[in-house]
Amino acid sequence: MSHPVPAPRAGLLLLAYLAFVSLGLPDGLIGVGWPSIRADFGVPTAAVGFVLTAGTTGYLLSSVAAGFTISRLGVGWLLAGSTVLAATALTGYALSPGLALMVGCALVLGLGSGAIDSGLNAYAAGAFGPRHMNWMHAFFGLGVALGPLIMTGALSLGLAWRWGYAAVAAAQLLLATAFALTVRAWVRPAAPTGDGPAHTPAAPVGPVQISATLRLPAVWLGVVAFALYVAIEAGAGLWAFLLLTEGRGVAPAVAGLCVSGYWGSLFVGRVVQGVLAERLGTARILWGSLAGMVLGAVLVALPAPAWVAVLGLGVIGFAAAPVFPLLTLTTAERVGTVHADRTIGLQIGAAGLGGALLPAGFGVLLSRTSVEALGPALVICAVALLGLYAASARRPAAG
């Protein structure tokens, strides 16, 4: 049975939602803007890899570091400073005369984004309930969807691609100002999370050594679980189009709609299951969602008509929707309150690394075997994720 969670302050909740929208915006901007950027800079299409690698590196470094420093800096200062970094980097994008400066700005943007992601997740794990935690993550998807619209709008008006980044940089600067004005309000109250007792993840870590956190098996079970989860989410979205067109004979236009439907099911799942998690408890939702991911992966793997694979993708998307936010929300229950912030930072970093490497590994597998290998790969990852959660759920929290 889930416990009631105090209602978060409306202003802070709105800022958290807007911050997650801002995290998704750059991901949507570069896809539409890159052809124009490439032409302006006179670089090959593949050069986008330098920008993405720099951004991922910064994200990994700062998301992990934020988890280990948040108790000293405070959530408010971390969010304010990180959003300033993101606004500065996006301004640099808009003013970049060439690729080299843009790559440097991508590193800075990654540093800011990773810290925002870790900081907000750590705050929300103690201050938000399952519903708002899920909805906060749903707003990231909204940001990814808005990014292409902003860049498309700028280009359709005859403006340079730089104006798309300038608009988002201005919005980030406003968000940074809001964080700076509310810096002292970002104090997490003692709040019950999931199905466990009240805890306060914001409590000072004090004399607890970093090595004590790193020695906990539950920490590393969580790290691997987050990497696997993002591998499934991103891998299914990245390679579903290829499976449907080359493996199941679906027309490209229809396959594109199916992939959009997959991402849509992820958004809808977070909205719907956020409410259900407060009524049924996070443990029940997590067990059901992880089992649903296995079922969806099996449907994708079956040598059946295309509609079965499409159904499987929808099941994966809807089932996977609450897993990331609810695993974050219940981190303290698995590792203990004093280790929660550090563990959340490691988990967010692992999610970024898993999202960057494992879907690429899926691509190597498909190129060396066939597109039909996607389903079995998703099944293996989903079963492994279920097993990791089962192992971590049986371990009592330390601290």
Protein backbone atom coordinates (compact mmCIF):
# COMPACT_ATOMS: atom_id res chain seq x y z
CA MET A 1 0.00 0.00 0.00
CA SER A 2 1.44 3.38 -1.00
CA HIS A 3 1.77 6.20 1.51
CA PRO A 4 0.52 9.75 0.97
CA VAL A 5 3.12 12.22 -0.20
CA PRO A 6 2.92 15.92 0.75
CA ALA A 7 1.90 18.04 -2.23
CA PRO A 8 4.96 19.78 -3.68
CA ARG A 9 4.99 23.55 -3.99
CA ALA A 10 3.31 24.49 -7.25
CA GLY A 11 6.06 26.92 -8.26
CA LEU A 12 8.86 24.39 -7.78
CA LEU A 13 6.86 21.71 -9.54
CA LEU A 14 6.35 24.00 -12.54
CA LEU A 15 10.07 24.81 -12.63
CA ALA A 16 10.92 21.09 -12.50
CA TYR A 17 8.58 20.41 -15.43
CA LEU A 18 10.04 23.30 -17.44
CA ALA A 19 13.58 22.15 -16.65
CA PHE A 20 12.83 18.71 -18.09
CA VAL A 21 11.31 20.33 -21.18
CA SER A 22 14.57 22.27 -21.52
CA LEU A 23 16.60 19.06 -21.25
CA GLY A 24 14.77 17.63 -24.25
CA LEU A 25 14.86 20.73 -26.49
CA PRO A 26 18.51 20.49 -27.71
CA ASP A 27 18.01 16.84 -28.71
CA GLY A 28 15.20 17.91 -31.02
CA LEU A 29 16.99 20.99 -32.39
CA ILE A 30 20.09 19.34 -33.82
CA GLY A 31 18.26 16.73 -35.90
CA VAL A 32 16.46 19.38 -37.96
CA GLY A 33 19.23 21.98 -37.82
CA TRP A 34 22.24 19.81 -38.67
CA PRO A 35 21.89 19.89 -42.50
CA SER A 36 22.03 23.72 -42.36
CA ILE A 37 24.83 23.68 -39.77
CA ARG A 38 26.86 21.24 -41.84
CA ALA A 39 26.45 23.41 -44.94
CA ASP A 40 27.46 26.57 -43.05
CA PHE A 41 30.56 25.00 -41.56
CA GLY A 42 31.52 23.02 -44.67
CA VAL A 43 31.85 19.72 -42.81
CA PRO A 44 30.62 16.20 -43.69
CA THR A 45 27.38 14.82 -42.32
CA ALA A 46 29.26 12.40 -40.05
CA ALA A 47 30.84 15.35 -38.21
CA VAL A 48 27.74 15.49 -36.02
CA GLY A 49 29.36 12.60 -34.16
CA PHE A 50 31.92 15.00 -32.67
CA VAL A 51 29.14 17.19 -31.28
CA LEU A 52 27.20 14.23 -29.87
CA THR A 53 30.29 12.62 -28.34
CA ALA A 54 31.32 15.85 -26.61
CA GLY A 55 27.80 16.33 -25.25
CA THR A 56 27.61 12.75 -23.97
CA THR A 57 31.03 13.06 -22.30
CA GLY A 58 30.01 16.22 -20.45
CA TYR A 59 26.70 14.69 -19.46
CA LEU A 60 28.31 11.58 -17.99
CA LEU A 61 30.91 13.53 -16.04
CA SER A 62 28.50 16.02 -14.50
CA SER A 63 25.63 13.62 -13.77
CA VAL A 64 27.93 11.41 -11.70
CA ALA A 65 29.72 14.36 -10.07
CA ALA A 66 26.42 16.03 -9.16
CA GLY A 67 25.34 13.01 -7.16
CA PHE A 68 28.49 13.25 -5.05
CA THR A 69 28.42 17.04 -4.53
CA ILE A 70 24.73 17.88 -4.18
CA SER A 71 24.81 17.61 -0.37
CA ARG A 72 27.52 20.30 -0.25
CA LEU A 73 26.26 22.66 -2.96
CA GLY A 74 22.55 22.32 -2.31
CA VAL A 75 19.97 21.52 -4.98
CA GLY A 76 19.07 25.15 -5.63
CA TRP A 77 22.59 26.35 -6.36
CA LEU A 78 23.31 23.25 -8.44
CA LEU A 79 20.24 23.85 -10.62
CA ALA A 80 20.85 27.59 -10.98
CA GLY A 81 24.51 27.18 -11.93
CA SER A 82 23.88 24.26 -14.28
CA THR A 83 21.12 26.10 -16.13
CA VAL A 84 23.45 29.09 -16.60
CA LEU A 85 25.98 26.67 -18.12
CA ALA A 86 23.34 25.30 -20.49
CA ALA A 87 22.20 28.80 -21.51
CA THR A 88 25.82 29.84 -22.13
CA ALA A 89 26.49 26.74 -24.24
CA LEU A 90 23.39 27.27 -26.38
CA THR A 91 24.37 30.90 -26.89
CA GLY A 92 27.75 29.60 -28.02
CA TYR A 93 25.98 27.33 -30.51
CA ALA A 94 24.17 30.33 -31.96
CA LEU A 95 27.41 32.34 -32.27
CA SER A 96 29.80 29.55 -33.32
CA PRO A 97 31.87 30.44 -36.41
CA GLY A 98 32.90 26.83 -36.93
CA LEU A 99 32.64 23.24 -35.78
CA ALA A 100 35.45 23.38 -33.21
CA LEU A 101 33.68 25.95 -31.02
CA MET A 102 30.39 24.11 -31.35
CA VAL A 103 32.03 20.90 -30.10
CA GLY A 104 33.39 22.80 -27.10
CA CYS A 105 29.93 24.24 -26.43
CA ALA A 106 28.46 20.74 -26.68
CA LEU A 107 30.77 19.64 -23.86
CA VAL A 108 29.59 22.58 -21.73
CA LEU A 109 25.95 21.85 -22.58
CA GLY A 110 26.46 18.23 -21.51
CA LEU A 111 27.98 19.39 -18.22
CA GLY A 112 24.97 21.58 -17.53
CA SER A 113 22.37 19.06 -18.66
CA GLY A 114 23.82 16.16 -16.69
CA ALA A 115 23.87 18.17 -13.47
CA ILE A 116 20.28 19.39 -14.02
CA ASP A 117 19.15 15.82 -14.65
CA SER A 118 20.86 14.41 -11.55
CA GLY A 119 19.91 17.36 -9.34
CA LEU A 120 16.24 17.33 -10.23
CA ASN A 121 15.97 13.55 -9.98
CA ALA A 122 17.62 13.60 -6.56
CA TYR A 123 15.28 16.38 -5.39
CA ALA A 124 12.17 14.76 -6.84
CA ALA A 125 13.02 11.39 -5.26
CA GLY A 126 12.41 12.98 -1.85
CA ALA A 127 9.89 15.72 -2.59
CA PHE A 128 7.61 14.37 -5.35
CA GLY A 129 5.32 11.38 -5.34
CA PRO A 130 5.09 8.76 -8.10
CA ARG A 131 2.60 10.81 -10.13
CA HIS A 132 4.71 13.96 -10.38
CA MET A 133 7.91 11.96 -10.82
CA ASN A 134 6.41 10.25 -13.87
CA TRP A 135 4.94 13.46 -15.24
CA MET A 136 8.26 15.27 -14.83
CA HIS A 137 9.91 12.66 -17.04
CA ALA A 138 7.03 12.86 -19.51
CA PHE A 139 7.84 16.54 -19.98
CA PHE A 140 11.28 15.56 -21.28
CA GLY A 141 9.48 13.91 -24.19
CA LEU A 142 7.53 17.11 -24.73
CA GLY A 143 10.82 19.00 -24.99
CA VAL A 144 12.17 16.54 -27.56
CA ALA A 145 8.97 17.03 -29.58
CA LEU A 146 9.09 20.84 -29.37
CA GLY A 147 12.74 21.11 -30.46
CA PRO A 148 12.14 20.17 -34.11
CA LEU A 149 9.14 22.53 -34.24
CA ILE A 150 11.24 25.47 -33.01
CA MET A 151 14.03 24.84 -35.52
CA THR A 152 11.56 24.13 -38.34
CA GLY A 153 9.73 27.36 -37.54
CA ALA A 154 12.95 29.38 -37.67
CA LEU A 155 14.04 27.86 -40.97
CA SER A 156 10.58 28.19 -42.55
CA LEU A 157 10.62 31.91 -41.72
CA GLY A 158 13.84 32.25 -43.69
CA LEU A 159 15.97 32.67 -40.56
CA ALA A 160 19.34 31.01 -40.01
CA TRP A 161 19.57 27.88 -37.88
CA ARG A 162 21.29 30.02 -35.25
CA TRP A 163 17.98 31.64 -34.34
CA GLY A 164 16.57 28.30 -33.22
CA TYR A 165 19.39 27.92 -30.71
CA ALA A 166 19.15 31.58 -29.72
CA ALA A 167 15.46 31.17 -28.85
CA VAL A 168 16.16 28.13 -26.65
CA ALA A 169 19.17 29.90 -25.06
CA ALA A 170 16.90 32.80 -24.09
CA ALA A 171 14.40 30.40 -22.55
CA GLN A 172 17.21 28.69 -20.63
CA LEU A 173 18.40 32.05 -19.33
CA LEU A 174 14.91 32.82 -18.02
CA LEU A 175 14.83 29.39 -16.36
CA ALA A 176 18.25 30.03 -14.79
CA THR A 177 16.95 33.31 -13.39
CA ALA A 178 13.95 31.52 -11.89
CA PHE A 179 16.21 28.93 -10.27
CA ALA A 180 18.46 31.67 -8.87
CA LEU A 181 15.48 33.50 -7.36
CA THR A 182 14.19 30.31 -5.72
CA VAL A 183 17.54 28.85 -4.71
CA ARG A 184 16.68 28.65 -1.00
CA ALA A 185 13.33 27.00 -1.65
CA TRP A 186 14.84 23.78 -3.03
CA VAL A 187 15.00 22.00 0.32
CA ARG A 188 13.57 18.52 0.34
CA PRO A 189 11.19 17.66 3.17
CA ALA A 190 11.02 14.26 4.79
CA ALA A 191 8.63 12.48 2.47
CA PRO A 192 7.43 8.90 2.03
CA THR A 193 8.37 7.50 -1.31
CA GLY A 194 6.93 4.48 -3.07
CA ASP A 195 5.90 1.80 -0.56
CA GLY A 196 8.54 2.55 2.06
CA PRO A 197 8.74 4.76 5.13
CA ALA A 198 9.41 8.47 5.10
CA HIS A 199 12.96 9.47 4.36
CA THR A 200 14.91 12.61 3.61
CA PRO A 201 17.37 12.11 0.75
CA ALA A 202 18.59 15.66 1.26
CA ALA A 203 20.05 14.83 4.67
CA PRO A 204 23.75 15.68 4.85
CA VAL A 205 25.97 12.81 3.87
CA GLY A 206 28.38 13.87 6.62
CA PRO A 207 31.11 11.40 7.51
CA VAL A 208 29.85 8.65 5.22
CA GLN A 209 32.75 7.91 2.92
CA ILE A 210 32.39 7.62 -0.83
CA SER A 211 33.92 4.15 -0.66
CA ALA A 212 31.07 3.05 1.61
CA THR A 213 28.60 3.94 -1.14
CA LEU A 214 30.64 2.26 -3.84
CA ARG A 215 30.89 -0.97 -1.84
CA LEU A 216 27.13 -1.50 -1.76
CA PRO A 217 26.03 -4.25 -4.20
CA ALA A 218 22.62 -2.58 -4.56
CA VAL A 219 24.32 0.52 -5.98
CA TRP A 220 25.88 -1.42 -8.83
CA LEU A 221 22.74 -3.47 -9.44
CA GLY A 222 20.97 -0.14 -9.93
CA VAL A 223 23.70 1.21 -12.20
CA VAL A 224 23.49 -1.79 -14.54
CA ALA A 225 19.68 -1.73 -14.41
CA PHE A 226 19.55 1.88 -15.59
CA ALA A 227 21.98 1.17 -18.44
CA LEU A 228 19.85 -1.78 -19.56
CA TYR A 229 16.60 0.14 -19.28
CA VAL A 230 17.80 2.98 -21.52
CA ALA A 231 19.29 0.44 -23.92
CA ILE A 232 15.84 -1.11 -24.35
CA GLU A 233 13.99 2.20 -24.62
CA ALA A 234 16.46 3.81 -27.04
CA GLY A 235 17.32 0.61 -28.92
CA ALA A 236 13.68 -0.19 -29.69
CA GLY A 237 13.03 3.37 -30.87
CA LEU A 238 16.22 3.52 -32.96
CA TRP A 239 15.99 0.20 -34.78
CA ALA A 240 12.22 -0.46 -34.97
CA PHE A 241 11.94 1.32 -38.32
CA LEU A 242 14.60 -0.92 -39.85
CA LEU A 243 12.97 -4.06 -38.45
CA LEU A 244 9.53 -3.12 -39.74
CA THR A 245 10.66 -2.09 -43.23
CA GLU A 246 13.38 -4.62 -44.01
CA GLY A 247 12.25 -7.46 -41.78
CA ARG A 248 8.47 -7.31 -41.89
CA GLY A 249 7.79 -5.58 -45.22
CA VAL A 250 6.03 -2.50 -43.85
CA ALA A 251 5.93 0.59 -46.05
CA PRO A 252 8.30 3.32 -44.86
CA ALA A 253 5.52 5.85 -44.23
CA VAL A 254 3.56 3.37 -42.14
CA ALA A 255 6.68 2.25 -40.28
CA GLY A 256 7.45 5.87 -39.44
CA LEU A 257 3.99 6.28 -37.93
CA CYS A 258 4.52 3.10 -35.92
CA VAL A 259 7.78 4.40 -34.49
CA SER A 260 6.04 7.67 -33.58
CA GLY A 261 3.38 5.58 -31.90
CA TYR A 262 6.06 3.85 -29.87
CA TRP A 263 7.36 7.14 -28.49
CA GLY A 264 3.80 8.30 -27.97
CA SER A 265 3.03 5.21 -25.89
CA LEU A 266 6.00 6.07 -23.68
CA PHE A 267 4.60 9.57 -23.06
CA VAL A 268 1.06 8.35 -22.43
CA GLY A 269 2.34 5.57 -20.18
CA ARG A 270 4.11 8.05 -17.92
CA VAL A 271 1.02 10.21 -17.61
CA VAL A 272 -1.36 7.31 -16.93
CA GLN A 273 0.87 5.14 -14.76
CA GLY A 274 1.97 8.08 -12.67
CA VAL A 275 -1.57 8.19 -11.33
CA LEU A 276 -1.80 4.41 -10.98
CA ALA A 277 1.45 4.23 -9.03
CA GLU A 278 0.01 6.45 -6.30
CA ARG A 279 -3.07 4.24 -6.05
CA LEU A 280 -1.52 0.80 -6.39
CA GLY A 281 1.98 1.40 -5.04
CA THR A 282 5.27 1.70 -6.88
CA ALA A 283 6.31 -1.91 -6.28
CA ARG A 284 3.27 -3.32 -8.06
CA ILE A 285 3.67 -0.93 -10.97
CA LEU A 286 7.37 -1.72 -11.31
CA TRP A 287 6.86 -5.49 -11.27
CA GLY A 288 4.02 -5.20 -13.79
CA SER A 289 5.96 -2.82 -16.01
CA LEU A 290 9.11 -4.94 -16.09
CA ALA A 291 7.07 -8.04 -16.88
CA GLY A 292 5.27 -6.03 -19.59
CA MET A 293 8.60 -5.09 -21.15
CA VAL A 294 9.51 -8.78 -21.40
CA LEU A 295 6.14 -9.55 -22.99
CA GLY A 296 6.50 -6.72 -25.50
CA ALA A 297 10.02 -7.84 -26.42
CA VAL A 298 8.79 -11.39 -26.98
CA LEU A 299 6.08 -10.09 -29.33
CA VAL A 300 8.72 -8.19 -31.31
CA ALA A 301 10.90 -11.31 -31.47
CA LEU A 302 8.16 -13.65 -32.71
CA PRO A 303 8.36 -14.58 -36.42
CA ALA A 304 4.82 -13.28 -36.90
CA PRO A 305 2.99 -10.72 -39.07
CA ALA A 306 4.09 -7.11 -38.81
CA TRP A 307 1.15 -6.07 -36.63
CA VAL A 308 2.41 -8.36 -33.86
CA ALA A 309 5.77 -6.54 -33.80
CA VAL A 310 3.97 -3.18 -33.83
CA LEU A 311 1.83 -4.33 -30.92
CA GLY A 312 5.00 -5.46 -29.12
CA LEU A 313 6.56 -2.03 -29.57
CA GLY A 314 3.47 -0.39 -28.11
CA VAL A 315 3.55 -2.76 -25.14
CA ILE A 316 7.26 -2.03 -24.56
CA GLY A 317 6.66 1.71 -24.69
CA PHE A 318 3.67 1.75 -22.36
CA ALA A 319 5.21 -0.74 -19.93
CA ALA A 320 8.62 0.94 -19.89
CA ALA A 321 7.16 4.40 -19.26
CA PRO A 322 7.25 4.47 -15.43
CA VAL A 323 10.37 2.34 -14.93
CA PHE A 324 13.03 5.08 -15.06
CA PRO A 325 11.18 7.57 -12.81
CA LEU A 326 10.01 4.94 -10.31
CA LEU A 327 13.42 3.28 -10.03
CA THR A 328 14.84 6.73 -9.33
CA LEU A 329 12.08 7.45 -6.83
CA THR A 330 12.78 4.27 -4.84
CA THR A 331 16.58 4.48 -4.87
CA ALA A 332 16.78 5.25 -1.14
CA GLU A 333 14.74 2.14 -0.35
CA ARG A 334 17.38 -0.01 -2.05
CA VAL A 335 20.60 1.68 -0.93
CA GLY A 336 19.71 3.78 2.12
CA THR A 337 19.06 7.48 2.55
CA VAL A 338 22.66 8.61 3.01
CA HIS A 339 23.73 6.91 -0.21
CA ALA A 340 20.72 7.94 -2.34
CA ASP A 341 22.02 11.14 -3.96
CA ARG A 342 25.33 9.54 -4.92
CA THR A 343 23.58 6.48 -6.30
CA ILE A 344 21.13 8.56 -8.33
CA GLY A 345 24.08 10.40 -9.90
CA LEU A 346 25.71 7.09 -10.83
CA GLN A 347 22.42 5.76 -12.20
CA ILE A 348 21.83 8.83 -14.37
CA GLY A 349 25.38 8.57 -15.67
CA ALA A 350 24.89 4.86 -16.42
CA ALA A 351 21.66 5.69 -18.25
CA GLY A 352 23.53 8.14 -20.46
CA LEU A 353 26.30 5.66 -21.14
CA GLY A 354 23.87 2.83 -21.79
CA GLY A 355 21.85 5.01 -24.16
CA ALA A 356 24.99 5.93 -26.09
CA LEU A 357 26.71 2.54 -26.35
CA LEU A 358 24.21 -0.30 -26.18
CA PRO A 359 21.84 0.79 -28.99
CA ALA A 360 24.96 1.23 -31.15
CA GLY A 361 25.88 -2.31 -30.15
CA PHE A 362 22.45 -3.44 -31.32
CA GLY A 363 23.28 -1.87 -34.68
CA VAL A 364 26.51 -3.83 -34.94
CA LEU A 365 24.59 -7.02 -34.10
CA LEU A 366 21.95 -6.33 -36.75
CA SER A 367 24.55 -5.56 -39.41
CA ARG A 368 26.41 -8.81 -38.72
CA THR A 369 23.34 -11.04 -38.46
CA SER A 370 19.94 -9.73 -39.57
CA VAL A 371 17.35 -7.17 -38.51
CA GLU A 372 15.42 -10.01 -36.89
CA ALA A 373 18.05 -10.13 -34.14
CA LEU A 374 16.52 -7.00 -32.61
CA GLY A 375 13.70 -8.90 -30.91
CA PRO A 376 15.90 -11.51 -29.18
CA ALA A 377 18.33 -8.76 -28.08
CA LEU A 378 15.45 -6.85 -26.50
CA VAL A 379 14.20 -10.03 -24.79
CA ILE A 380 17.62 -10.73 -23.27
CA CYS A 381 17.94 -7.16 -21.98
CA ALA A 382 14.38 -7.11 -20.60
CA VAL A 383 14.79 -10.43 -18.77
CA ALA A 384 18.14 -9.25 -17.36
CA LEU A 385 16.53 -6.01 -16.19
CA LEU A 386 13.74 -7.91 -14.44
CA GLY A 387 16.33 -10.13 -12.73
CA LEU A 388 18.38 -7.14 -11.58
CA TYR A 389 15.31 -5.51 -10.04
CA ALA A 390 14.39 -8.76 -8.30
CA ALA A 391 17.89 -9.02 -6.85
CA SER A 392 17.99 -5.40 -5.66
CA ALA A 393 14.46 -5.51 -4.24
CA ARG A 394 15.40 -8.41 -1.96
CA ARG A 395 18.31 -6.50 -0.44
CA PRO A 396 17.51 -4.33 2.60
CA ALA A 397 18.49 -0.69 2.37
CA ALA A 398 21.82 0.09 4.01
CA GLY A 399 21.57 3.17 6.21
